[in-house]
Amino acid sequence: MQNIKEEIERRVGERIECRGYCTLTSAAGSWSGSVVNMSQTGALVAILQDYKLQMNENITLNIELSSGTAAALLGRVAHKKEHLIGLEFKLPTEDDRRKLNEFLSSTGLPRLD
């Protein structure tokens, strides 16, 4: 419990609750999931099937955009508990930030500017 509390206290960006389909990909495989919440610095993703992700493992989070395209955000596994995976993004490029805002706009949520 202490580790999760420390992770929460380290968060920089405000988390915005949202729902959207995504795919997590790592060297160990690929899993479909749903984005639960997101900020400019990370996301919480729910994966209902068994997964083989390890702490600090590098991942790519592909989120589906309303335009039919996907945004690929690079990061690492920051924490995990049962079917919830906490991700920390690497510093996003301007293009990544644009795609992230497009995703949030498609869900009717405020932009992260």
PDB file of N, CA and C in Angstrom:
ATOM      1  N   MET A   1       0.823  -1.197   0.000  1.00  0.00           N
ATOM      2  CA  MET A   1       0.000   0.000   0.000  1.00  0.00           C
ATOM      3  C   MET A   1       0.864   1.257   0.000  1.00  0.00           C
ATOM      4  N   GLN A   2       1.975   1.237   0.715  1.00  0.00           N
ATOM      5  CA  GLN A   2       2.862   2.389   0.787  1.00  0.00           C
ATOM      6  C   GLN A   2       3.399   2.746  -0.603  1.00  0.00           C
ATOM      7  N   ASN A   3       3.752   1.736  -1.434  1.00  0.00           N
ATOM      8  CA  ASN A   3       4.287   2.004  -2.765  1.00  0.00           C
ATOM      9  C   ASN A   3       3.279   2.746  -3.633  1.00  0.00           C
ATOM     10  N   ILE A   4       2.011   2.350  -3.573  1.00  0.00           N
ATOM     11  CA  ILE A   4       0.982   3.024  -4.363  1.00  0.00           C
ATOM     12  C   ILE A   4       0.826   4.465  -3.879  1.00  0.00           C
ATOM     13  N   LYS A   5       0.848   4.676  -2.564  1.00  0.00           N
ATOM     14  CA  LYS A   5       0.742   6.030  -2.020  1.00  0.00           C
ATOM     15  C   LYS A   5       1.903   6.897  -2.518  1.00  0.00           C
ATOM     16  N   GLU A   6       3.120   6.348  -2.539  1.00  0.00           N
ATOM     17  CA  GLU A   6       4.273   7.091  -3.022  1.00  0.00           C
ATOM     18  C   GLU A   6       4.119   7.429  -4.498  1.00  0.00           C
ATOM     19  N   GLU A   7       3.616   6.483  -5.309  1.00  0.00           N
ATOM     20  CA  GLU A   7       3.397   6.739  -6.736  1.00  0.00           C
ATOM     21  C   GLU A   7       2.401   7.872  -6.924  1.00  0.00           C
ATOM     22  N   ILE A   8       1.314   7.857  -6.162  1.00  0.00           N
ATOM     23  CA  ILE A   8       0.300   8.897  -6.280  1.00  0.00           C
ATOM     24  C   ILE A   8       0.882  10.254  -5.925  1.00  0.00           C
ATOM     25  N   GLU A   9       1.688  10.307  -4.865  1.00  0.00           N
ATOM     26  CA  GLU A   9       2.276  11.578  -4.441  1.00  0.00           C
ATOM     27  C   GLU A   9       3.270  12.122  -5.453  1.00  0.00           C
ATOM     28  N   ARG A  10       3.882  11.259  -6.283  1.00  0.00           N
ATOM     29  CA  ARG A  10       4.860  11.701  -7.273  1.00  0.00           C
ATOM     30  C   ARG A  10       4.215  12.220  -8.551  1.00  0.00           C
ATOM     31  N   ARG A  11       2.932  11.990  -8.728  1.00  0.00           N
ATOM     32  CA  ARG A  11       2.270  12.410  -9.957  1.00  0.00           C
ATOM     33  C   ARG A  11       2.352  13.915 -10.115  1.00  0.00           C
ATOM     34  N   VAL A  12       2.668  14.330 -11.334  1.00  0.00           N
ATOM     35  CA  VAL A  12       2.795  15.752 -11.623  1.00  0.00           C
ATOM     36  C   VAL A  12       1.514  16.269 -12.251  1.00  0.00           C
ATOM     37  N   GLY A  13       1.016  15.592 -13.277  1.00  0.00           N
ATOM     38  CA  GLY A  13      -0.152  16.053 -14.001  1.00  0.00           C
ATOM     39  C   GLY A  13      -1.447  15.625 -13.345  1.00  0.00           C
ATOM     40  N   GLU A  14      -2.460  16.483 -13.490  1.00  0.00           N
ATOM     41  CA  GLU A  14      -3.780  16.152 -12.982  1.00  0.00           C
ATOM     42  C   GLU A  14      -4.378  15.029 -13.808  1.00  0.00           C
ATOM     43  N   ARG A  15      -4.902  14.002 -13.152  1.00  0.00           N
ATOM     44  CA  ARG A  15      -5.516  12.878 -13.849  1.00  0.00           C
ATOM     45  C   ARG A  15      -6.945  13.234 -14.225  1.00  0.00           C
ATOM     46  N   ILE A  16      -7.295  12.926 -15.459  1.00  0.00           N
ATOM     47  CA  ILE A  16      -8.640  13.145 -15.960  1.00  0.00           C
ATOM     48  C   ILE A  16      -9.251  11.781 -16.224  1.00  0.00           C
ATOM     49  N   GLU A  17     -10.404  11.514 -15.607  1.00  0.00           N
ATOM     50  CA  GLU A  17     -11.070  10.242 -15.837  1.00  0.00           C
ATOM     51  C   GLU A  17     -11.580  10.192 -17.268  1.00  0.00           C
ATOM     52  N   CYS A  18     -11.391   9.071 -17.910  1.00  0.00           N
ATOM     53  CA  CYS A  18     -11.855   8.905 -19.283  1.00  0.00           C
ATOM     54  C   CYS A  18     -12.000   7.420 -19.576  1.00  0.00           C
ATOM     55  N   ARG A  19     -12.634   7.114 -20.663  1.00  0.00           N
ATOM     56  CA  ARG A  19     -12.769   5.738 -21.113  1.00  0.00           C
ATOM     57  C   ARG A  19     -12.426   5.702 -22.589  1.00  0.00           C
ATOM     58  N   GLY A  20     -11.571   4.784 -22.956  1.00  0.00           N
ATOM     59  CA  GLY A  20     -11.208   4.627 -24.349  1.00  0.00           C
ATOM     60  C   GLY A  20     -10.452   3.333 -24.547  1.00  0.00           C
ATOM     61  N   TYR A  21     -10.577   2.789 -25.728  1.00  0.00           N
ATOM     62  CA  TYR A  21      -9.890   1.536 -26.032  1.00  0.00           C
ATOM     63  C   TYR A  21      -8.416   1.799 -26.280  1.00  0.00           C
ATOM     64  N   CYS A  22      -7.603   0.817 -25.893  1.00  0.00           N
ATOM     65  CA  CYS A  22      -6.164   0.955 -26.082  1.00  0.00           C
ATOM     66  C   CYS A  22      -5.530  -0.425 -26.221  1.00  0.00           C
ATOM     67  N   THR A  23      -4.280  -0.403 -26.619  1.00  0.00           N
ATOM     68  CA  THR A  23      -3.462  -1.608 -26.658  1.00  0.00           C
ATOM     69  C   THR A  23      -2.136  -1.277 -25.995  1.00  0.00           C
ATOM     70  N   LEU A  24      -1.701  -2.137 -25.092  1.00  0.00           N
ATOM     71  CA  LEU A  24      -0.378  -2.018 -24.473  1.00  0.00           C
ATOM     72  C   LEU A  24       0.537  -3.025 -25.145  1.00  0.00           C
ATOM     73  N   THR A  25       1.701  -2.570 -25.573  1.00  0.00           N
ATOM     74  CA  THR A  25       2.655  -3.450 -26.235  1.00  0.00           C
ATOM     75  C   THR A  25       4.003  -3.338 -25.546  1.00  0.00           C
ATOM     76  N   SER A  26       4.620  -4.494 -25.317  1.00  0.00           N
ATOM     77  CA  SER A  26       5.970  -4.537 -24.755  1.00  0.00           C
ATOM     78  C   SER A  26       6.722  -5.670 -25.453  1.00  0.00           C
ATOM     79  N   ALA A  27       7.948  -5.904 -25.028  1.00  0.00           N
ATOM     80  CA  ALA A  27       8.716  -7.014 -25.592  1.00  0.00           C
ATOM     81  C   ALA A  27       8.056  -8.357 -25.267  1.00  0.00           C
ATOM     82  N   ALA A  28       7.253  -8.394 -24.193  1.00  0.00           N
ATOM     83  CA  ALA A  28       6.615  -9.644 -23.761  1.00  0.00           C
ATOM     84  C   ALA A  28       5.308  -9.951 -24.489  1.00  0.00           C
ATOM     85  N   GLY A  29       4.743  -8.973 -25.202  1.00  0.00           N
ATOM     86  CA  GLY A  29       3.491  -9.215 -25.909  1.00  0.00           C
ATOM     87  C   GLY A  29       2.650  -7.979 -26.063  1.00  0.00           C
ATOM     88  N   SER A  30       1.372  -8.195 -26.382  1.00  0.00           N
ATOM     89  CA  SER A  30       0.436  -7.107 -26.608  1.00  0.00           C
ATOM     90  C   SER A  30      -0.901  -7.462 -25.974  1.00  0.00           C
ATOM     91  N   TRP A  31      -1.545  -6.475 -25.324  1.00  0.00           N
ATOM     92  CA  TRP A  31      -2.798  -6.709 -24.614  1.00  0.00           C
ATOM     93  C   TRP A  31      -3.776  -5.580 -24.882  1.00  0.00           C
ATOM     94  N   SER A  32      -5.035  -5.930 -25.094  1.00  0.00           N
ATOM     95  CA  SER A  32      -6.091  -4.942 -25.257  1.00  0.00           C
ATOM     96  C   SER A  32      -6.558  -4.495 -23.885  1.00  0.00           C
ATOM     97  N   GLY A  33      -6.965  -3.242 -23.800  1.00  0.00           N
ATOM     98  CA  GLY A  33      -7.442  -2.723 -22.530  1.00  0.00           C
ATOM     99  C   GLY A  33      -8.271  -1.477 -22.708  1.00  0.00           C
ATOM    100  N   SER A  34      -8.531  -0.824 -21.590  1.00  0.00           N
ATOM    101  CA  SER A  34      -9.279   0.429 -21.559  1.00  0.00           C
ATOM    102  C   SER A  34      -8.523   1.437 -20.715  1.00  0.00           C
ATOM    103  N   VAL A  35      -8.443   2.661 -21.209  1.00  0.00           N
ATOM    104  CA  VAL A  35      -7.860   3.747 -20.434  1.00  0.00           C
ATOM    105  C   VAL A  35      -8.880   4.150 -19.373  1.00  0.00           C
ATOM    106  N   VAL A  36      -8.444   4.221 -18.108  1.00  0.00           N
ATOM    107  CA  VAL A  36      -9.312   4.599 -16.995  1.00  0.00           C
ATOM    108  C   VAL A  36      -9.158   6.081 -16.698  1.00  0.00           C
ATOM    109  N   ASN A  37      -7.905   6.545 -16.626  1.00  0.00           N
ATOM    110  CA  ASN A  37      -7.644   7.969 -16.478  1.00  0.00           C
ATOM    111  C   ASN A  37      -6.302   8.284 -17.111  1.00  0.00           C
ATOM    112  N   MET A  38      -6.070   9.586 -17.334  1.00  0.00           N
ATOM    113  CA  MET A  38      -4.881   9.973 -18.079  1.00  0.00           C
ATOM    114  C   MET A  38      -4.469  11.386 -17.699  1.00  0.00           C
ATOM    115  N   SER A  39      -3.186  11.638 -17.808  1.00  0.00           N
ATOM    116  CA  SER A  39      -2.646  12.986 -17.663  1.00  0.00           C
ATOM    117  C   SER A  39      -1.551  13.141 -18.706  1.00  0.00           C
ATOM    118  N   GLN A  40      -0.901  14.284 -18.711  1.00  0.00           N
ATOM    119  CA  GLN A  40       0.208  14.467 -19.645  1.00  0.00           C
ATOM    120  C   GLN A  40       1.404  13.608 -19.266  1.00  0.00           C
ATOM    121  N   THR A  41       1.437  13.104 -18.038  1.00  0.00           N
ATOM    122  CA  THR A  41       2.596  12.341 -17.579  1.00  0.00           C
ATOM    123  C   THR A  41       2.350  10.851 -17.435  1.00  0.00           C
ATOM    124  N   GLY A  42       1.087  10.409 -17.574  1.00  0.00           N
ATOM    125  CA  GLY A  42       0.838   8.988 -17.411  1.00  0.00           C
ATOM    126  C   GLY A  42      -0.619   8.612 -17.591  1.00  0.00           C
ATOM    127  N   ALA A  43      -0.893   7.334 -17.361  1.00  0.00           N
ATOM    128  CA  ALA A  43      -2.254   6.821 -17.518  1.00  0.00           C
ATOM    129  C   ALA A  43      -2.450   5.609 -16.627  1.00  0.00           C
ATOM    130  N   LEU A  44      -3.710   5.335 -16.333  1.00  0.00           N
ATOM    131  CA  LEU A  44      -4.101   4.109 -15.656  1.00  0.00           C
ATOM    132  C   LEU A  44      -4.916   3.314 -16.657  1.00  0.00           C
ATOM    133  N   VAL A  45      -4.500   2.065 -16.882  1.00  0.00           N
ATOM    134  CA  VAL A  45      -5.119   1.217 -17.896  1.00  0.00           C
ATOM    135  C   VAL A  45      -5.618  -0.059 -17.233  1.00  0.00           C
ATOM    136  N   ALA A  46      -6.812  -0.489 -17.626  1.00  0.00           N
ATOM    137  CA  ALA A  46      -7.371  -1.761 -17.149  1.00  0.00           C
ATOM    138  C   ALA A  46      -7.197  -2.808 -18.236  1.00  0.00           C
ATOM    139  N   ILE A  47      -6.586  -3.936 -17.865  1.00  0.00           N
ATOM    140  CA  ILE A  47      -6.412  -5.070 -18.778  1.00  0.00           C
ATOM    141  C   ILE A  47      -7.086  -6.262 -18.110  1.00  0.00           C
ATOM    142  N   LEU A  48      -8.087  -6.829 -18.773  1.00  0.00           N
ATOM    143  CA  LEU A  48      -8.859  -7.894 -18.142  1.00  0.00           C
ATOM    144  C   LEU A  48      -8.270  -9.282 -18.343  1.00  0.00           C
ATOM    145  N   GLN A  49      -7.461  -9.493 -19.373  1.00  0.00           N
ATOM    146  CA  GLN A  49      -6.851 -10.804 -19.554  1.00  0.00           C
ATOM    147  C   GLN A  49      -5.518 -10.872 -18.802  1.00  0.00           C
ATOM    148  N   ASP A  50      -4.960 -12.056 -18.675  1.00  0.00           N
ATOM    149  CA  ASP A  50      -3.649 -12.216 -18.045  1.00  0.00           C
ATOM    150  C   ASP A  50      -2.607 -11.464 -18.857  1.00  0.00           C
ATOM    151  N   TYR A  51      -1.652 -10.870 -18.175  1.00  0.00           N
ATOM    152  CA  TYR A  51      -0.593 -10.121 -18.854  1.00  0.00           C
ATOM    153  C   TYR A  51       0.747 -10.479 -18.223  1.00  0.00           C
ATOM    154  N   LYS A  52       1.820 -10.169 -18.945  1.00  0.00           N
ATOM    155  CA  LYS A  52       3.171 -10.505 -18.489  1.00  0.00           C
ATOM    156  C   LYS A  52       4.025  -9.256 -18.314  1.00  0.00           C
ATOM    157  N   LEU A  53       3.425  -8.157 -17.979  1.00  0.00           N
ATOM    158  CA  LEU A  53       4.171  -6.913 -17.804  1.00  0.00           C
ATOM    159  C   LEU A  53       4.868  -6.893 -16.451  1.00  0.00           C
ATOM    160  N   GLN A  54       6.083  -6.367 -16.441  1.00  0.00           N
ATOM    161  CA  GLN A  54       6.875  -6.260 -15.219  1.00  0.00           C
ATOM    162  C   GLN A  54       7.062  -4.789 -14.856  1.00  0.00           C
ATOM    163  N   MET A  55       7.337  -4.518 -13.597  1.00  0.00           N
ATOM    164  CA  MET A  55       7.614  -3.153 -13.151  1.00  0.00           C
ATOM    165  C   MET A  55       8.773  -2.564 -13.948  1.00  0.00           C
ATOM    166  N   ASN A  56       8.653  -1.310 -14.302  1.00  0.00           N
ATOM    167  CA  ASN A  56       9.657  -0.544 -15.047  1.00  0.00           C
ATOM    168  C   ASN A  56       9.848  -1.020 -16.484  1.00  0.00           C
ATOM    169  N   GLU A  57       9.032  -1.951 -16.941  1.00  0.00           N
ATOM    170  CA  GLU A  57       9.141  -2.425 -18.319  1.00  0.00           C
ATOM    171  C   GLU A  57       8.707  -1.328 -19.281  1.00  0.00           C
ATOM    172  N   ASN A  58       9.455  -1.178 -20.363  1.00  0.00           N
ATOM    173  CA  ASN A  58       9.100  -0.204 -21.391  1.00  0.00           C
ATOM    174  C   ASN A  58       7.881  -0.690 -22.154  1.00  0.00           C
ATOM    175  N   ILE A  59       6.955   0.249 -22.422  1.00  0.00           N
ATOM    176  CA  ILE A  59       5.720  -0.096 -23.118  1.00  0.00           C
ATOM    177  C   ILE A  59       5.410   0.970 -24.173  1.00  0.00           C
ATOM    178  N   THR A  60       4.526   0.598 -25.072  1.00  0.00           N
ATOM    179  CA  THR A  60       3.901   1.552 -25.980  1.00  0.00           C
ATOM    180  C   THR A  60       2.405   1.468 -25.727  1.00  0.00           C
ATOM    181  N   LEU A  61       1.789   2.604 -25.443  1.00  0.00           N
ATOM    182  CA  LEU A  61       0.342   2.675 -25.258  1.00  0.00           C
ATOM    183  C   LEU A  61      -0.245   3.241 -26.538  1.00  0.00           C
ATOM    184  N   ASN A  62      -1.015   2.427 -27.246  1.00  0.00           N
ATOM    185  CA  ASN A  62      -1.712   2.871 -28.447  1.00  0.00           C
ATOM    186  C   ASN A  62      -3.155   3.150 -28.075  1.00  0.00           C
ATOM    187  N   ILE A  63      -3.572   4.412 -28.203  1.00  0.00           N
ATOM    188  CA  ILE A  63      -4.950   4.757 -27.898  1.00  0.00           C
ATOM    189  C   ILE A  63      -5.676   5.073 -29.193  1.00  0.00           C
ATOM    190  N   GLU A  64      -6.895   4.570 -29.298  1.00  0.00           N
ATOM    191  CA  GLU A  64      -7.690   4.768 -30.508  1.00  0.00           C
ATOM    192  C   GLU A  64      -8.298   6.161 -30.490  1.00  0.00           C
ATOM    193  N   LEU A  65      -8.158   6.863 -31.614  1.00  0.00           N
ATOM    194  CA  LEU A  65      -8.698   8.208 -31.752  1.00  0.00           C
ATOM    195  C   LEU A  65      -9.990   8.161 -32.549  1.00  0.00           C
ATOM    196  N   SER A  66     -10.832   9.162 -32.341  1.00  0.00           N
ATOM    197  CA  SER A  66     -12.122   9.199 -33.038  1.00  0.00           C
ATOM    198  C   SER A  66     -11.948   9.320 -34.543  1.00  0.00           C
ATOM    199  N   SER A  67     -10.804   9.805 -34.984  1.00  0.00           N
ATOM    200  CA  SER A  67     -10.541   9.955 -36.414  1.00  0.00           C
ATOM    201  C   SER A  67     -10.233   8.612 -37.081  1.00  0.00           C
ATOM    202  N   GLY A  68     -10.171   7.546 -36.281  1.00  0.00           N
ATOM    203  CA  GLY A  68      -9.847   6.229 -36.823  1.00  0.00           C
ATOM    204  C   GLY A  68      -8.362   5.925 -36.795  1.00  0.00           C
ATOM    205  N   THR A  69      -7.562   6.870 -36.347  1.00  0.00           N
ATOM    206  CA  THR A  69      -6.122   6.652 -36.213  1.00  0.00           C
ATOM    207  C   THR A  69      -5.810   6.320 -34.756  1.00  0.00           C
ATOM    208  N   ALA A  70      -4.543   6.114 -34.473  1.00  0.00           N
ATOM    209  CA  ALA A  70      -4.122   5.809 -33.102  1.00  0.00           C
ATOM    210  C   ALA A  70      -2.952   6.709 -32.718  1.00  0.00           C
ATOM    211  N   ALA A  71      -2.863   7.003 -31.441  1.00  0.00           N
ATOM    212  CA  ALA A  71      -1.722   7.731 -30.899  1.00  0.00           C
ATOM    213  C   ALA A  71      -0.872   6.726 -30.142  1.00  0.00           C
ATOM    214  N   ALA A  72       0.431   6.745 -30.392  1.00  0.00           N
ATOM    215  CA  ALA A  72       1.357   5.845 -29.709  1.00  0.00           C
ATOM    216  C   ALA A  72       2.181   6.657 -28.716  1.00  0.00           C
ATOM    217  N   LEU A  73       2.030   6.327 -27.438  1.00  0.00           N
ATOM    218  CA  LEU A  73       2.767   7.013 -26.383  1.00  0.00           C
ATOM    219  C   LEU A  73       3.730   6.024 -25.733  1.00  0.00           C
ATOM    220  N   LEU A  74       4.972   6.440 -25.597  1.00  0.00           N
ATOM    221  CA  LEU A  74       5.996   5.584 -24.999  1.00  0.00           C
ATOM    222  C   LEU A  74       6.081   5.840 -23.511  1.00  0.00           C
ATOM    223  N   GLY A  75       6.336   4.779 -22.754  1.00  0.00           N
ATOM    224  CA  GLY A  75       6.454   4.934 -21.313  1.00  0.00           C
ATOM    225  C   GLY A  75       6.977   3.686 -20.642  1.00  0.00           C
ATOM    226  N   ARG A  76       6.665   3.568 -19.355  1.00  0.00           N
ATOM    227  CA  ARG A  76       7.094   2.417 -18.565  1.00  0.00           C
ATOM    228  C   ARG A  76       5.992   2.064 -17.583  1.00  0.00           C
ATOM    229  N   VAL A  77       6.024   0.830 -17.104  1.00  0.00           N
ATOM    230  CA  VAL A  77       5.078   0.385 -16.081  1.00  0.00           C
ATOM    231  C   VAL A  77       5.548   0.964 -14.749  1.00  0.00           C
ATOM    232  N   ALA A  78       4.736   1.836 -14.149  1.00  0.00           N
ATOM    233  CA  ALA A  78       5.091   2.479 -12.885  1.00  0.00           C
ATOM    234  C   ALA A  78       4.539   1.707 -11.690  1.00  0.00           C
ATOM    235  N   HIS A  79       3.358   1.107 -11.847  1.00  0.00           N
ATOM    236  CA  HIS A  79       2.793   0.268 -10.789  1.00  0.00           C
ATOM    237  C   HIS A  79       1.728  -0.626 -11.401  1.00  0.00           C
ATOM    238  N   LYS A  80       1.413  -1.694 -10.702  1.00  0.00           N
ATOM    239  CA  LYS A  80       0.373  -2.609 -11.165  1.00  0.00           C
ATOM    240  C   LYS A  80      -0.278  -3.261  -9.968  1.00  0.00           C
ATOM    241  N   LYS A  81      -1.585  -3.466 -10.098  1.00  0.00           N
ATOM    242  CA  LYS A  81      -2.348  -4.124  -9.054  1.00  0.00           C
ATOM    243  C   LYS A  81      -3.514  -4.816  -9.738  1.00  0.00           C
ATOM    244  N   GLU A  82      -3.484  -6.139  -9.708  1.00  0.00           N
ATOM    245  CA  GLU A  82      -4.492  -6.971 -10.353  1.00  0.00           C
ATOM    246  C   GLU A  82      -4.630  -6.569 -11.819  1.00  0.00           C
ATOM    247  N   HIS A  83      -5.785  -6.089 -12.230  1.00  0.00           N
ATOM    248  CA  HIS A  83      -5.982  -5.773 -13.648  1.00  0.00           C
ATOM    249  C   HIS A  83      -5.682  -4.313 -13.990  1.00  0.00           C
ATOM    250  N   LEU A  84      -5.201  -3.517 -13.032  1.00  0.00           N
ATOM    251  CA  LEU A  84      -4.892  -2.112 -13.277  1.00  0.00           C
ATOM    252  C   LEU A  84      -3.386  -1.904 -13.419  1.00  0.00           C
ATOM    253  N   ILE A  85      -3.006  -1.219 -14.493  1.00  0.00           N
ATOM    254  CA  ILE A  85      -1.596  -0.934 -14.781  1.00  0.00           C
ATOM    255  C   ILE A  85      -1.407   0.582 -14.802  1.00  0.00           C
ATOM    256  N   GLY A  86      -0.511   1.078 -13.957  1.00  0.00           N
ATOM    257  CA  GLY A  86      -0.172   2.500 -13.950  1.00  0.00           C
ATOM    258  C   GLY A  86       1.029   2.733 -14.847  1.00  0.00           C
ATOM    259  N   LEU A  87       0.901   3.672 -15.762  1.00  0.00           N
ATOM    260  CA  LEU A  87       1.964   3.970 -16.714  1.00  0.00           C
ATOM    261  C   LEU A  87       2.509   5.369 -16.498  1.00  0.00           C
ATOM    262  N   GLU A  88       3.797   5.511 -16.687  1.00  0.00           N
ATOM    263  CA  GLU A  88       4.435   6.820 -16.684  1.00  0.00           C
ATOM    264  C   GLU A  88       4.965   7.043 -18.094  1.00  0.00           C
ATOM    265  N   PHE A  89       4.546   8.140 -18.719  1.00  0.00           N
ATOM    266  CA  PHE A  89       4.988   8.433 -20.079  1.00  0.00           C
ATOM    267  C   PHE A  89       6.377   9.029 -20.068  1.00  0.00           C
ATOM    268  N   LYS A  90       7.122   8.742 -21.139  1.00  0.00           N
ATOM    269  CA  LYS A  90       8.360   9.465 -21.383  1.00  0.00           C
ATOM    270  C   LYS A  90       7.951  10.840 -21.876  1.00  0.00           C
ATOM    271  N   LEU A  91       8.855  11.789 -21.868  1.00  0.00           N
ATOM    272  CA  LEU A  91       8.495  13.143 -22.275  1.00  0.00           C
ATOM    273  C   LEU A  91       7.867  13.114 -23.661  1.00  0.00           C
ATOM    274  N   PRO A  92       6.585  13.542 -23.749  1.00  0.00           N
ATOM    275  CA  PRO A  92       5.911  13.484 -25.046  1.00  0.00           C
ATOM    276  C   PRO A  92       6.400  14.581 -25.990  1.00  0.00           C
ATOM    277  N   THR A  93       6.395  14.253 -27.266  1.00  0.00           N
ATOM    278  CA  THR A  93       6.712  15.248 -28.279  1.00  0.00           C
ATOM    279  C   THR A  93       5.482  16.130 -28.478  1.00  0.00           C
ATOM    280  N   GLU A  94       5.634  17.192 -29.223  1.00  0.00           N
ATOM    281  CA  GLU A  94       4.498  18.062 -29.523  1.00  0.00           C
ATOM    282  C   GLU A  94       3.421  17.286 -30.273  1.00  0.00           C
ATOM    283  N   ASP A  95       3.842  16.390 -31.167  1.00  0.00           N
ATOM    284  CA  ASP A  95       2.882  15.567 -31.904  1.00  0.00           C
ATOM    285  C   ASP A  95       2.138  14.627 -30.953  1.00  0.00           C
ATOM    286  N   ASP A  96       2.854  14.017 -30.000  1.00  0.00           N
ATOM    287  CA  ASP A  96       2.211  13.156 -29.005  1.00  0.00           C
ATOM    288  C   ASP A  96       1.183  13.944 -28.195  1.00  0.00           C
ATOM    289  N   ARG A  97       1.562  15.153 -27.800  1.00  0.00           N
ATOM    290  CA  ARG A  97       0.649  15.990 -27.006  1.00  0.00           C
ATOM    291  C   ARG A  97      -0.604  16.324 -27.816  1.00  0.00           C
ATOM    292  N   ARG A  98      -0.437  16.612 -29.088  1.00  0.00           N
ATOM    293  CA  ARG A  98      -1.572  16.909 -29.966  1.00  0.00           C
ATOM    294  C   ARG A  98      -2.505  15.706 -30.049  1.00  0.00           C
ATOM    295  N   LYS A  99      -1.937  14.517 -30.246  1.00  0.00           N
ATOM    296  CA  LYS A  99      -2.742  13.296 -30.339  1.00  0.00           C
ATOM    297  C   LYS A  99      -3.438  12.991 -29.019  1.00  0.00           C
ATOM    298  N   LEU A 100      -2.755  13.232 -27.914  1.00  0.00           N
ATOM    299  CA  LEU A 100      -3.348  13.018 -26.599  1.00  0.00           C
ATOM    300  C   LEU A 100      -4.545  13.942 -26.411  1.00  0.00           C
ATOM    301  N   ASN A 101      -4.402  15.201 -26.800  1.00  0.00           N
ATOM    302  CA  ASN A 101      -5.516  16.140 -26.700  1.00  0.00           C
ATOM    303  C   ASN A 101      -6.648  15.758 -27.637  1.00  0.00           C
ATOM    304  N   GLU A 102      -6.320  15.205 -28.814  1.00  0.00           N
ATOM    305  CA  GLU A 102      -7.355  14.732 -29.730  1.00  0.00           C
ATOM    306  C   GLU A 102      -8.149  13.598 -29.085  1.00  0.00           C
ATOM    307  N   PHE A 103      -7.449  12.691 -28.432  1.00  0.00           N
ATOM    308  CA  PHE A 103      -8.125  11.587 -27.744  1.00  0.00           C
ATOM    309  C   PHE A 103      -9.057  12.123 -26.657  1.00  0.00           C
ATOM    310  N   LEU A 104      -8.560  13.020 -25.833  1.00  0.00           N
ATOM    311  CA  LEU A 104      -9.375  13.559 -24.751  1.00  0.00           C
ATOM    312  C   LEU A 104     -10.567  14.345 -25.284  1.00  0.00           C
ATOM    313  N   SER A 105     -10.367  15.093 -26.364  1.00  0.00           N
ATOM    314  CA  SER A 105     -11.479  15.823 -26.973  1.00  0.00           C
ATOM    315  C   SER A 105     -12.546  14.882 -27.483  1.00  0.00           C
ATOM    316  N   SER A 106     -12.131  13.720 -28.009  1.00  0.00           N
ATOM    317  CA  SER A 106     -13.095  12.758 -28.543  1.00  0.00           C
ATOM    318  C   SER A 106     -13.943  12.149 -27.436  1.00  0.00           C
ATOM    319  N   THR A 107     -13.440  12.176 -26.199  1.00  0.00           N
ATOM    320  CA  THR A 107     -14.212  11.643 -25.084  1.00  0.00           C
ATOM    321  C   THR A 107     -15.040  12.722 -24.410  1.00  0.00           C
ATOM    322  N   GLY A 108     -14.931  13.978 -24.905  1.00  0.00           N
ATOM    323  CA  GLY A 108     -15.682  15.077 -24.323  1.00  0.00           C
ATOM    324  C   GLY A 108     -15.035  15.647 -23.080  1.00  0.00           C
ATOM    325  N   LEU A 109     -13.766  15.322 -22.848  1.00  0.00           N
ATOM    326  CA  LEU A 109     -13.068  15.792 -21.648  1.00  0.00           C
ATOM    327  C   LEU A 109     -12.196  16.988 -21.979  1.00  0.00           C
ATOM    328  N   PRO A 110     -11.800  17.766 -20.968  1.00  0.00           N
ATOM    329  CA  PRO A 110     -10.970  18.954 -21.230  1.00  0.00           C
ATOM    330  C   PRO A 110      -9.594  18.570 -21.762  1.00  0.00           C
ATOM    331  N   ARG A 111      -9.051  19.482 -22.553  1.00  0.00           N
ATOM    332  CA  ARG A 111      -7.711  19.281 -23.105  1.00  0.00           C
ATOM    333  C   ARG A 111      -6.671  19.424 -22.001  1.00  0.00           C
ATOM    334  N   LEU A 112      -5.469  18.918 -22.257  1.00  0.00           N
ATOM    335  CA  LEU A 112      -4.396  18.930 -21.270  1.00  0.00           C
ATOM    336  C   LEU A 112      -3.356  20.027 -21.530  1.00  0.00           C
ATOM    337  N   ASP A 113      -3.715  21.083 -22.229  1.00  0.00           N
ATOM    338  CA  ASP A 113      -2.748  22.135 -22.551  1.00  0.00           C
ATOM    339  C   ASP A 113      -2.195  22.796 -21.323  1.00  0.00           C
TER     340      ASP A 113
END
